[in-house]
Amino acid sequence: MKFFTRKLIKPGDLNANNSLFGGQLLKWIDEEAGIYSMTKLGSPKVVTKFMSEINFVSSAKQADVIEIGLEFLAIGRTSISFRCQVRNLFTKKIIISIERIVFVNVDDELKAQPHGKTLEDIQQNAIF
């Protein structure tokens, strides 16, 4: 798993219990996963298709620094999938785990469109 993005938890990211609001964390994950999909597929036109069970393992609090990690799982004709973990940067304690996130390549009408990438293409693009 590669961890690309780090976020500092600020007061506006907290819920009523003064811990990281899960909706904010999911927003960050969706954005990072979308960018990851774009880089792997070489296309800016991707949409979230599916997220498996979301497992909130522990919480984060104000001033914590978290990092979002993604790992490639599979490539389909129009889709790409991977798993995600978010952890505390310093303690490495897992905050959230998502076993499968799927993005689909789309055309201008938001219809699924083949991306033309192969497993070999994805593996050669190992920087992202």
N, C-alpha and C. Protein backbone atom coordinates (compact mmCIF):
# COMPACT_ATOMS: atom_id res chain seq x y z
N MET A 1 0.85 -1.18 0.00
CA MET A 1 0.00 0.00 0.00
C MET A 1 0.89 1.23 0.00
N LYS A 2 0.56 2.19 -0.85
CA LYS A 2 1.30 3.44 -0.90
C LYS A 2 0.44 4.56 -0.32
N PHE A 3 1.06 5.36 0.52
CA PHE A 3 0.38 6.47 1.18
C PHE A 3 0.82 7.76 0.51
N PHE A 4 -0.12 8.43 -0.18
CA PHE A 4 0.20 9.60 -0.98
C PHE A 4 -0.18 10.92 -0.31
N THR A 5 -1.31 10.97 0.33
CA THR A 5 -1.86 12.23 0.82
C THR A 5 -1.90 12.28 2.33
N ARG A 6 -1.53 13.43 2.85
CA ARG A 6 -1.60 13.66 4.29
C ARG A 6 -2.54 14.82 4.56
N LYS A 7 -3.25 14.71 5.66
CA LYS A 7 -4.19 15.76 6.06
C LYS A 7 -3.99 16.07 7.54
N LEU A 8 -4.03 17.35 7.86
CA LEU A 8 -3.99 17.81 9.24
C LEU A 8 -5.44 17.98 9.70
N ILE A 9 -5.80 17.36 10.81
CA ILE A 9 -7.16 17.47 11.32
C ILE A 9 -7.32 18.82 12.02
N LYS A 10 -8.25 19.63 11.48
CA LYS A 10 -8.49 20.98 11.98
C LYS A 10 -9.88 21.05 12.63
N PRO A 11 -10.17 22.12 13.36
CA PRO A 11 -11.46 22.23 14.05
C PRO A 11 -12.68 22.02 13.14
N GLY A 12 -12.63 22.49 11.91
CA GLY A 12 -13.76 22.34 10.99
C GLY A 12 -13.97 20.91 10.51
N ASP A 13 -13.04 20.00 10.80
CA ASP A 13 -13.13 18.61 10.38
C ASP A 13 -13.74 17.72 11.46
N LEU A 14 -14.09 18.31 12.61
CA LEU A 14 -14.54 17.53 13.76
C LEU A 14 -16.06 17.39 13.83
N ASN A 15 -16.51 16.32 14.48
CA ASN A 15 -17.94 16.12 14.73
C ASN A 15 -18.28 16.64 16.14
N ALA A 16 -19.49 16.37 16.59
CA ALA A 16 -19.95 16.86 17.89
C ALA A 16 -19.19 16.24 19.06
N ASN A 17 -18.49 15.14 18.82
CA ASN A 17 -17.69 14.48 19.86
C ASN A 17 -16.23 14.90 19.82
N ASN A 18 -15.93 15.92 19.02
CA ASN A 18 -14.56 16.43 18.86
C ASN A 18 -13.58 15.40 18.32
N SER A 19 -14.09 14.51 17.49
CA SER A 19 -13.21 13.60 16.75
C SER A 19 -13.48 13.83 15.26
N LEU A 20 -12.64 13.27 14.42
CA LEU A 20 -12.77 13.48 12.99
C LEU A 20 -14.14 13.01 12.49
N PHE A 21 -14.85 13.87 11.79
CA PHE A 21 -16.15 13.56 11.21
C PHE A 21 -15.97 12.55 10.08
N GLY A 22 -16.66 11.43 10.17
CA GLY A 22 -16.53 10.37 9.18
C GLY A 22 -16.85 10.82 7.77
N GLY A 23 -17.83 11.71 7.61
CA GLY A 23 -18.18 12.22 6.29
C GLY A 23 -17.04 13.01 5.66
N GLN A 24 -16.32 13.75 6.47
CA GLN A 24 -15.16 14.50 5.95
C GLN A 24 -14.07 13.54 5.49
N LEU A 25 -13.84 12.51 6.29
CA LEU A 25 -12.83 11.53 5.93
C LEU A 25 -13.20 10.82 4.63
N LEU A 26 -14.47 10.44 4.47
CA LEU A 26 -14.91 9.78 3.24
C LEU A 26 -14.79 10.71 2.04
N LYS A 27 -15.02 12.00 2.24
CA LYS A 27 -14.84 12.97 1.16
C LYS A 27 -13.38 12.98 0.71
N TRP A 28 -12.46 13.01 1.66
CA TRP A 28 -11.03 13.01 1.33
C TRP A 28 -10.64 11.72 0.60
N ILE A 29 -11.16 10.59 1.09
CA ILE A 29 -10.86 9.30 0.46
C ILE A 29 -11.37 9.27 -0.97
N ASP A 30 -12.60 9.71 -1.19
CA ASP A 30 -13.19 9.70 -2.52
C ASP A 30 -12.38 10.58 -3.48
N GLU A 31 -11.96 11.73 -3.00
CA GLU A 31 -11.15 12.63 -3.83
C GLU A 31 -9.80 11.98 -4.17
N GLU A 32 -9.13 11.43 -3.18
CA GLU A 32 -7.83 10.80 -3.42
C GLU A 32 -7.96 9.58 -4.33
N ALA A 33 -9.00 8.78 -4.11
CA ALA A 33 -9.22 7.60 -4.94
C ALA A 33 -9.54 8.00 -6.38
N GLY A 34 -10.28 9.08 -6.55
CA GLY A 34 -10.57 9.57 -7.90
C GLY A 34 -9.31 10.00 -8.63
N ILE A 35 -8.45 10.72 -7.94
CA ILE A 35 -7.18 11.16 -8.54
C ILE A 35 -6.32 9.95 -8.86
N TYR A 36 -6.28 8.99 -7.96
CA TYR A 36 -5.52 7.75 -8.19
C TYR A 36 -6.03 7.04 -9.44
N SER A 37 -7.36 6.95 -9.57
CA SER A 37 -7.95 6.33 -10.75
C SER A 37 -7.57 7.06 -12.03
N MET A 38 -7.64 8.38 -11.99
CA MET A 38 -7.28 9.18 -13.17
C MET A 38 -5.84 8.93 -13.60
N THR A 39 -4.93 8.86 -12.62
CA THR A 39 -3.52 8.66 -12.97
C THR A 39 -3.28 7.26 -13.53
N LYS A 40 -3.95 6.26 -12.98
CA LYS A 40 -3.77 4.89 -13.46
C LYS A 40 -4.38 4.70 -14.85
N LEU A 41 -5.54 5.32 -15.10
CA LEU A 41 -6.23 5.13 -16.37
C LEU A 41 -5.84 6.17 -17.41
N GLY A 42 -5.16 7.23 -16.99
CA GLY A 42 -4.80 8.28 -17.93
C GLY A 42 -6.00 9.03 -18.45
N SER A 43 -7.03 9.15 -17.63
CA SER A 43 -8.27 9.78 -18.03
C SER A 43 -8.84 10.63 -16.89
N PRO A 44 -9.25 11.87 -17.18
CA PRO A 44 -9.85 12.70 -16.14
C PRO A 44 -11.34 12.40 -15.91
N LYS A 45 -11.91 11.50 -16.71
CA LYS A 45 -13.34 11.24 -16.62
C LYS A 45 -13.60 9.90 -15.96
N VAL A 46 -13.60 9.91 -14.63
CA VAL A 46 -13.91 8.72 -13.85
C VAL A 46 -14.95 9.10 -12.79
N VAL A 47 -15.75 8.11 -12.42
CA VAL A 47 -16.75 8.32 -11.37
C VAL A 47 -16.69 7.16 -10.38
N THR A 48 -17.06 7.45 -9.15
CA THR A 48 -17.14 6.41 -8.13
C THR A 48 -18.31 5.49 -8.45
N LYS A 49 -18.05 4.20 -8.51
CA LYS A 49 -19.10 3.21 -8.78
C LYS A 49 -19.52 2.47 -7.51
N PHE A 50 -18.53 2.15 -6.66
CA PHE A 50 -18.81 1.27 -5.53
C PHE A 50 -17.78 1.44 -4.43
N MET A 51 -18.24 1.36 -3.20
CA MET A 51 -17.37 1.26 -2.03
C MET A 51 -17.90 0.13 -1.18
N SER A 52 -17.02 -0.80 -0.82
CA SER A 52 -17.43 -1.92 0.03
C SER A 52 -17.66 -1.41 1.45
N GLU A 53 -17.87 -2.34 2.33
CA GLU A 53 -18.04 -2.00 3.74
C GLU A 53 -16.92 -1.10 4.21
N ILE A 54 -17.30 -0.08 4.93
CA ILE A 54 -16.34 0.89 5.47
C ILE A 54 -16.16 0.56 6.95
N ASN A 55 -14.93 0.24 7.33
CA ASN A 55 -14.65 -0.17 8.70
C ASN A 55 -13.92 0.95 9.44
N PHE A 56 -14.65 1.65 10.30
CA PHE A 56 -14.03 2.67 11.15
C PHE A 56 -13.37 1.95 12.32
N VAL A 57 -12.05 1.92 12.33
CA VAL A 57 -11.30 1.15 13.31
C VAL A 57 -10.99 1.97 14.55
N SER A 58 -10.56 3.19 14.36
CA SER A 58 -10.25 4.08 15.48
C SER A 58 -10.55 5.51 15.05
N SER A 59 -10.41 6.43 15.97
CA SER A 59 -10.74 7.82 15.66
C SER A 59 -9.47 8.66 15.54
N ALA A 60 -9.67 9.86 15.04
CA ALA A 60 -8.59 10.85 14.97
C ALA A 60 -9.12 12.11 15.63
N LYS A 61 -8.21 12.89 16.17
CA LYS A 61 -8.63 14.11 16.86
C LYS A 61 -7.91 15.33 16.26
N GLN A 62 -8.33 16.49 16.71
CA GLN A 62 -7.72 17.73 16.22
C GLN A 62 -6.21 17.69 16.41
N ALA A 63 -5.49 18.15 15.40
CA ALA A 63 -4.03 18.24 15.35
C ALA A 63 -3.36 16.93 14.96
N ASP A 64 -4.13 15.83 14.84
CA ASP A 64 -3.55 14.60 14.30
C ASP A 64 -3.25 14.82 12.82
N VAL A 65 -2.24 14.13 12.33
CA VAL A 65 -1.95 14.11 10.90
C VAL A 65 -2.25 12.69 10.44
N ILE A 66 -3.10 12.59 9.42
CA ILE A 66 -3.45 11.28 8.88
C ILE A 66 -2.89 11.15 7.48
N GLU A 67 -2.75 9.91 7.03
CA GLU A 67 -2.33 9.67 5.65
C GLU A 67 -3.25 8.65 5.01
N ILE A 68 -3.54 8.89 3.72
CA ILE A 68 -4.46 8.05 2.96
C ILE A 68 -3.64 7.14 2.04
N GLY A 69 -3.86 5.84 2.17
CA GLY A 69 -3.14 4.87 1.36
C GLY A 69 -4.06 4.11 0.44
N LEU A 70 -3.56 3.83 -0.77
CA LEU A 70 -4.32 3.08 -1.76
C LEU A 70 -3.46 1.97 -2.34
N GLU A 71 -4.11 0.87 -2.68
CA GLU A 71 -3.42 -0.27 -3.27
C GLU A 71 -4.25 -0.83 -4.42
N PHE A 72 -3.65 -0.93 -5.58
CA PHE A 72 -4.32 -1.45 -6.77
C PHE A 72 -4.75 -2.89 -6.54
N LEU A 73 -5.99 -3.22 -6.97
CA LEU A 73 -6.49 -4.58 -6.86
C LEU A 73 -6.73 -5.23 -8.22
N ALA A 74 -7.50 -4.53 -9.09
CA ALA A 74 -7.89 -5.16 -10.35
C ALA A 74 -8.26 -4.12 -11.38
N ILE A 75 -8.25 -4.57 -12.63
CA ILE A 75 -8.64 -3.73 -13.76
C ILE A 75 -9.73 -4.47 -14.52
N GLY A 76 -10.77 -3.74 -14.90
CA GLY A 76 -11.83 -4.30 -15.74
C GLY A 76 -11.85 -3.59 -17.08
N ARG A 77 -12.83 -3.87 -17.88
CA ARG A 77 -12.92 -3.25 -19.20
C ARG A 77 -13.16 -1.75 -19.11
N THR A 78 -14.00 -1.33 -18.14
CA THR A 78 -14.30 0.09 -17.95
C THR A 78 -13.91 0.57 -16.56
N SER A 79 -13.45 -0.34 -15.72
CA SER A 79 -13.26 -0.01 -14.30
C SER A 79 -11.86 -0.29 -13.79
N ILE A 80 -11.62 0.24 -12.60
CA ILE A 80 -10.40 -0.04 -11.85
C ILE A 80 -10.81 -0.12 -10.38
N SER A 81 -10.18 -1.03 -9.65
CA SER A 81 -10.52 -1.15 -8.23
C SER A 81 -9.27 -1.28 -7.38
N PHE A 82 -9.42 -0.87 -6.14
CA PHE A 82 -8.31 -0.88 -5.20
C PHE A 82 -8.85 -0.85 -3.79
N ARG A 83 -7.98 -1.02 -2.83
CA ARG A 83 -8.38 -0.92 -1.42
C ARG A 83 -7.74 0.31 -0.80
N CYS A 84 -8.25 0.69 0.36
CA CYS A 84 -7.80 1.93 1.00
C CYS A 84 -7.65 1.71 2.50
N GLN A 85 -6.63 2.35 3.04
CA GLN A 85 -6.47 2.46 4.49
C GLN A 85 -6.10 3.89 4.79
N VAL A 86 -6.61 4.37 5.91
CA VAL A 86 -6.19 5.67 6.43
C VAL A 86 -5.61 5.39 7.80
N ARG A 87 -4.45 5.99 8.07
CA ARG A 87 -3.81 5.76 9.35
C ARG A 87 -3.24 7.06 9.90
N ASN A 88 -2.97 7.05 11.19
CA ASN A 88 -2.30 8.17 11.84
C ASN A 88 -0.85 8.16 11.37
N LEU A 89 -0.37 9.29 10.88
CA LEU A 89 0.99 9.38 10.33
C LEU A 89 2.05 8.97 11.35
N PHE A 90 1.89 9.38 12.59
CA PHE A 90 2.95 9.16 13.58
C PHE A 90 2.83 7.84 14.33
N THR A 91 1.60 7.45 14.70
CA THR A 91 1.43 6.21 15.46
C THR A 91 1.23 4.99 14.56
N LYS A 92 0.88 5.25 13.28
CA LYS A 92 0.56 4.21 12.29
C LYS A 92 -0.70 3.43 12.64
N LYS A 93 -1.47 3.91 13.60
CA LYS A 93 -2.73 3.27 13.98
C LYS A 93 -3.75 3.46 12.86
N ILE A 94 -4.40 2.36 12.44
CA ILE A 94 -5.40 2.41 11.37
C ILE A 94 -6.64 3.14 11.87
N ILE A 95 -7.14 4.07 11.05
CA ILE A 95 -8.35 4.82 11.37
C ILE A 95 -9.54 4.25 10.61
N ILE A 96 -9.34 3.95 9.34
CA ILE A 96 -10.42 3.40 8.51
C ILE A 96 -9.83 2.43 7.50
N SER A 97 -10.62 1.43 7.15
CA SER A 97 -10.21 0.46 6.14
C SER A 97 -11.38 0.21 5.21
N ILE A 98 -11.12 0.26 3.91
CA ILE A 98 -12.13 -0.04 2.89
C ILE A 98 -11.51 -1.09 1.97
N GLU A 99 -12.12 -2.25 1.92
CA GLU A 99 -11.54 -3.37 1.17
C GLU A 99 -11.61 -3.20 -0.33
N ARG A 100 -12.62 -2.48 -0.83
CA ARG A 100 -12.74 -2.34 -2.29
C ARG A 100 -13.45 -1.05 -2.66
N ILE A 101 -12.79 -0.29 -3.52
CA ILE A 101 -13.37 0.92 -4.12
C ILE A 101 -13.26 0.74 -5.62
N VAL A 102 -14.35 0.99 -6.34
CA VAL A 102 -14.35 0.83 -7.79
C VAL A 102 -14.69 2.17 -8.44
N PHE A 103 -13.87 2.53 -9.43
CA PHE A 103 -14.13 3.70 -10.27
C PHE A 103 -14.34 3.23 -11.69
N VAL A 104 -15.19 3.96 -12.43
CA VAL A 104 -15.49 3.62 -13.82
C VAL A 104 -15.12 4.79 -14.71
N ASN A 105 -14.50 4.48 -15.82
CA ASN A 105 -14.18 5.46 -16.85
C ASN A 105 -15.47 5.79 -17.60
N VAL A 106 -15.75 7.07 -17.84
CA VAL A 106 -17.00 7.47 -18.50
C VAL A 106 -16.75 8.40 -19.68
N ASP A 107 -17.78 8.51 -20.52
CA ASP A 107 -17.72 9.45 -21.64
C ASP A 107 -18.39 10.76 -21.23
N ASP A 108 -18.62 11.65 -22.19
CA ASP A 108 -19.21 12.96 -21.88
C ASP A 108 -20.63 12.88 -21.33
N GLU A 109 -21.33 11.79 -21.63
CA GLU A 109 -22.70 11.60 -21.12
C GLU A 109 -22.72 10.78 -19.83
N LEU A 110 -21.54 10.56 -19.26
CA LEU A 110 -21.35 9.79 -18.02
C LEU A 110 -21.74 8.32 -18.17
N LYS A 111 -21.62 7.80 -19.37
CA LYS A 111 -21.85 6.38 -19.63
C LYS A 111 -20.50 5.66 -19.55
N ALA A 112 -20.51 4.46 -18.99
CA ALA A 112 -19.28 3.67 -18.89
C ALA A 112 -18.65 3.51 -20.27
N GLN A 113 -17.35 3.73 -20.30
CA GLN A 113 -16.62 3.64 -21.56
C GLN A 113 -15.32 2.88 -21.32
N PRO A 114 -14.97 1.95 -22.23
CA PRO A 114 -13.71 1.23 -22.07
C PRO A 114 -12.53 2.19 -21.99
N HIS A 115 -11.62 1.91 -21.08
CA HIS A 115 -10.45 2.78 -20.91
C HIS A 115 -9.26 2.33 -21.75
N GLY A 116 -9.29 1.10 -22.23
CA GLY A 116 -8.23 0.60 -23.10
C GLY A 116 -6.93 0.23 -22.39
N LYS A 117 -6.93 0.22 -21.07
CA LYS A 117 -5.72 -0.14 -20.31
C LYS A 117 -5.70 -1.63 -20.01
N THR A 118 -4.51 -2.17 -19.91
CA THR A 118 -4.33 -3.58 -19.53
C THR A 118 -3.67 -3.64 -18.16
N LEU A 119 -3.64 -4.82 -17.60
CA LEU A 119 -2.96 -5.01 -16.31
C LEU A 119 -1.50 -4.60 -16.44
N GLU A 120 -0.88 -4.94 -17.55
CA GLU A 120 0.51 -4.56 -17.78
C GLU A 120 0.68 -3.03 -17.79
N ASP A 121 -0.24 -2.32 -18.43
CA ASP A 121 -0.20 -0.85 -18.45
C ASP A 121 -0.23 -0.29 -17.03
N ILE A 122 -1.11 -0.84 -16.22
CA ILE A 122 -1.28 -0.36 -14.85
C ILE A 122 -0.02 -0.65 -14.04
N GLN A 123 0.52 -1.82 -14.18
CA GLN A 123 1.71 -2.20 -13.41
C GLN A 123 2.94 -1.41 -13.84
N GLN A 124 3.02 -1.03 -15.09
CA GLN A 124 4.14 -0.22 -15.56
C GLN A 124 4.05 1.20 -15.03
N ASN A 125 2.86 1.64 -14.72
CA ASN A 125 2.63 2.98 -14.18
C ASN A 125 2.75 2.92 -12.66
N ALA A 126 3.86 2.40 -12.16
CA ALA A 126 4.04 2.13 -10.73
C ALA A 126 4.31 3.37 -9.89
N ILE A 127 4.55 4.51 -10.52
CA ILE A 127 4.80 5.73 -9.75
C ILE A 127 3.55 6.11 -8.97
N PHE A 128 2.40 5.89 -9.55
CA PHE A 128 1.15 6.31 -8.92
C PHE A 128 0.49 5.16 -8.23
